Amino acid sequence: MLSEFYLTLGQVGVIAVLGAIGAVMFRNQFRLSWFVGALALYVVYNFLLTRGFFALPNLPQGSGWNWFGKGLSLSFMLIIAAFPLFGYRRCGITVKQNKRS
């Protein structure tokens, strides 16, 4: 559906405006490359979560829940977290628990 596409574009627009405000307020700490990368990952995540904005069929057929989209988006984010640039530990994915928690 196009409504999900337009909704994603609207969300990215709002986040971009807020990011621009943050860039002005925190000039020394703002990194444009990370911000644009985060926006791109958000768009890909939404694309996969909605099964290509509902272009792909829902599996299993007749399911009332979007399990296929959830599985696609989760798998993609785990693959991205495995990249050395991010890393599982840096993303907060660990099997050890903090004893103070």
C-alpha atoms as a PDB file:
ATOM      1  CA  MET A   1       0.000   0.000   0.000  1.00  0.00           C
ATOM      2  CA  LEU A   2       1.170   3.468  -0.758  1.00  0.00           C
ATOM      3  CA  SER A   3      -0.047   4.737   2.598  1.00  0.00           C
ATOM      4  CA  GLU A   4       2.781   2.893   4.387  1.00  0.00           C
ATOM      5  CA  PHE A   5       5.291   4.362   1.941  1.00  0.00           C
ATOM      6  CA  TYR A   6       3.993   7.880   2.530  1.00  0.00           C
ATOM      7  CA  LEU A   7       3.909   7.291   6.265  1.00  0.00           C
ATOM      8  CA  THR A   8       7.576   6.243   6.188  1.00  0.00           C
ATOM      9  CA  LEU A   9       8.485   9.308   4.121  1.00  0.00           C
ATOM     10  CA  GLY A  10       6.668  11.529   6.603  1.00  0.00           C
ATOM     11  CA  GLN A  11       8.429   9.927   9.546  1.00  0.00           C
ATOM     12  CA  VAL A  12      11.828  10.314   7.878  1.00  0.00           C
ATOM     13  CA  GLY A  13      11.000  13.948   7.159  1.00  0.00           C
ATOM     14  CA  VAL A  14      10.132  14.650  10.782  1.00  0.00           C
ATOM     15  CA  ILE A  15      13.259  12.855  12.000  1.00  0.00           C
ATOM     16  CA  ALA A  16      15.381  14.776   9.474  1.00  0.00           C
ATOM     17  CA  VAL A  17      13.996  18.105  10.711  1.00  0.00           C
ATOM     18  CA  LEU A  18      14.625  17.124  14.327  1.00  0.00           C
ATOM     19  CA  GLY A  19      18.103  15.954  13.354  1.00  0.00           C
ATOM     20  CA  ALA A  20      18.811  19.301  11.691  1.00  0.00           C
ATOM     21  CA  ILE A  21      17.762  21.085  14.877  1.00  0.00           C
ATOM     22  CA  GLY A  22      20.007  18.762  16.865  1.00  0.00           C
ATOM     23  CA  ALA A  23      22.875  19.393  14.454  1.00  0.00           C
ATOM     24  CA  VAL A  24      22.594  23.128  15.045  1.00  0.00           C
ATOM     25  CA  MET A  25      22.366  22.731  18.807  1.00  0.00           C
ATOM     26  CA  PHE A  26      25.161  20.158  19.140  1.00  0.00           C
ATOM     27  CA  ARG A  27      27.545  21.049  16.330  1.00  0.00           C
ATOM     28  CA  ASN A  28      30.599  19.423  17.877  1.00  0.00           C
ATOM     29  CA  GLN A  29      28.882  16.100  18.579  1.00  0.00           C
ATOM     30  CA  PHE A  30      26.781  15.742  15.415  1.00  0.00           C
ATOM     31  CA  ARG A  31      28.057  13.401  12.708  1.00  0.00           C
ATOM     32  CA  LEU A  32      26.150  13.697   9.452  1.00  0.00           C
ATOM     33  CA  SER A  33      27.334  10.325   8.126  1.00  0.00           C
ATOM     34  CA  TRP A  34      25.938   8.473  11.155  1.00  0.00           C
ATOM     35  CA  PHE A  35      22.684  10.393  10.984  1.00  0.00           C
ATOM     36  CA  VAL A  36      22.141   9.672   7.284  1.00  0.00           C
ATOM     37  CA  GLY A  37      23.101   6.034   7.869  1.00  0.00           C
ATOM     38  CA  ALA A  38      20.577   5.757  10.695  1.00  0.00           C
ATOM     39  CA  LEU A  39      17.856   7.251   8.494  1.00  0.00           C
ATOM     40  CA  ALA A  40      18.715   4.793   5.718  1.00  0.00           C
ATOM     41  CA  LEU A  41      18.590   1.848   8.129  1.00  0.00           C
ATOM     42  CA  TYR A  42      15.221   3.075   9.399  1.00  0.00           C
ATOM     43  CA  VAL A  43      13.811   3.177   5.860  1.00  0.00           C
ATOM     44  CA  VAL A  44      15.117  -0.329   5.104  1.00  0.00           C
ATOM     45  CA  TYR A  45      13.736  -1.600   8.419  1.00  0.00           C
ATOM     46  CA  ASN A  46      10.273  -0.176   7.641  1.00  0.00           C
ATOM     47  CA  PHE A  47      10.457  -1.553   4.103  1.00  0.00           C
ATOM     48  CA  LEU A  48      11.172  -5.055   5.412  1.00  0.00           C
ATOM     49  CA  LEU A  49       8.726  -4.792   8.315  1.00  0.00           C
ATOM     50  CA  THR A  50       5.903  -4.013   5.912  1.00  0.00           C
ATOM     51  CA  ARG A  51       7.044  -6.741   3.465  1.00  0.00           C
ATOM     52  CA  GLY A  52       8.108  -4.232   0.852  1.00  0.00           C
ATOM     53  CA  PHE A  53       5.198  -1.940   1.659  1.00  0.00           C
ATOM     54  CA  PHE A  54       2.883  -4.975   1.308  1.00  0.00           C
ATOM     55  CA  ALA A  55       4.209  -6.064  -2.084  1.00  0.00           C
ATOM     56  CA  LEU A  56       5.168  -9.523  -0.717  1.00  0.00           C
ATOM     57  CA  PRO A  57       2.515 -11.961   0.533  1.00  0.00           C
ATOM     58  CA  ASN A  58       2.167 -12.681   4.228  1.00  0.00           C
ATOM     59  CA  LEU A  59       3.449 -16.067   5.301  1.00  0.00           C
ATOM     60  CA  PRO A  60       1.856 -18.239   6.568  1.00  0.00           C
ATOM     61  CA  GLN A  61      -1.112 -17.566   4.328  1.00  0.00           C
ATOM     62  CA  GLY A  62      -4.207 -16.294   6.103  1.00  0.00           C
ATOM     63  CA  SER A  63      -2.246 -15.220   9.153  1.00  0.00           C
ATOM     64  CA  GLY A  64      -3.680 -12.203  10.904  1.00  0.00           C
ATOM     65  CA  TRP A  65      -0.222 -11.135  12.042  1.00  0.00           C
ATOM     66  CA  ASN A  66       2.664  -9.934   9.915  1.00  0.00           C
ATOM     67  CA  TRP A  67       5.121 -12.657  10.996  1.00  0.00           C
ATOM     68  CA  PHE A  68       6.993 -12.635   7.691  1.00  0.00           C
ATOM     69  CA  GLY A  69       7.679  -8.893   7.867  1.00  0.00           C
ATOM     70  CA  LYS A  70       8.723  -9.124  11.499  1.00  0.00           C
ATOM     71  CA  GLY A  71      11.098 -11.979  10.690  1.00  0.00           C
ATOM     72  CA  LEU A  72      12.581 -10.120   7.717  1.00  0.00           C
ATOM     73  CA  SER A  73      13.215  -6.931   9.678  1.00  0.00           C
ATOM     74  CA  LEU A  74      14.635  -8.767  12.707  1.00  0.00           C
ATOM     75  CA  SER A  75      16.936 -10.882  10.524  1.00  0.00           C
ATOM     76  CA  PHE A  76      18.220  -7.834   8.671  1.00  0.00           C
ATOM     77  CA  MET A  77      18.940  -5.917  11.874  1.00  0.00           C
ATOM     78  CA  LEU A  78      20.811  -8.901  13.342  1.00  0.00           C
ATOM     79  CA  ILE A  79      22.905  -9.113  10.161  1.00  0.00           C
ATOM     80  CA  ILE A  80      23.649  -5.378  10.356  1.00  0.00           C
ATOM     81  CA  ALA A  81      24.582  -5.730  14.043  1.00  0.00           C
ATOM     82  CA  ALA A  82      27.088  -8.438  13.076  1.00  0.00           C
ATOM     83  CA  PHE A  83      29.085  -6.007  10.922  1.00  0.00           C
ATOM     84  CA  PRO A  84      32.352  -4.898  12.569  1.00  0.00           C
ATOM     85  CA  LEU A  85      31.274  -1.268  12.266  1.00  0.00           C
ATOM     86  CA  PHE A  86      28.503  -1.948  14.781  1.00  0.00           C
ATOM     87  CA  GLY A  87      29.156  -5.255  16.548  1.00  0.00           C
ATOM     88  CA  TYR A  88      26.728  -7.205  18.705  1.00  0.00           C
ATOM     89  CA  ARG A  89      28.151  -5.978  22.003  1.00  0.00           C
ATOM     90  CA  ARG A  90      28.098  -2.340  20.911  1.00  0.00           C
ATOM     91  CA  CYS A  91      24.479  -2.785  19.800  1.00  0.00           C
ATOM     92  CA  GLY A  92      23.600  -4.241  23.189  1.00  0.00           C
ATOM     93  CA  ILE A  93      23.128  -7.832  22.041  1.00  0.00           C
ATOM     94  CA  THR A  94      24.858 -10.091  24.586  1.00  0.00           C
ATOM     95  CA  VAL A  95      24.191 -13.363  26.356  1.00  0.00           C
ATOM     96  CA  LYS A  96      25.756 -12.161  29.605  1.00  0.00           C
ATOM     97  CA  GLN A  97      23.739 -10.231  32.103  1.00  0.00           C
ATOM     98  CA  ASN A  98      25.002  -7.297  34.098  1.00  0.00           C
ATOM     99  CA  LYS A  99      25.004  -8.382  37.748  1.00  0.00           C
ATOM    100  CA  ARG A 100      23.963  -4.882  38.832  1.00  0.00           C
ATOM    101  CA  SER A 101      20.796  -5.048  36.743  1.00  0.00           C
END
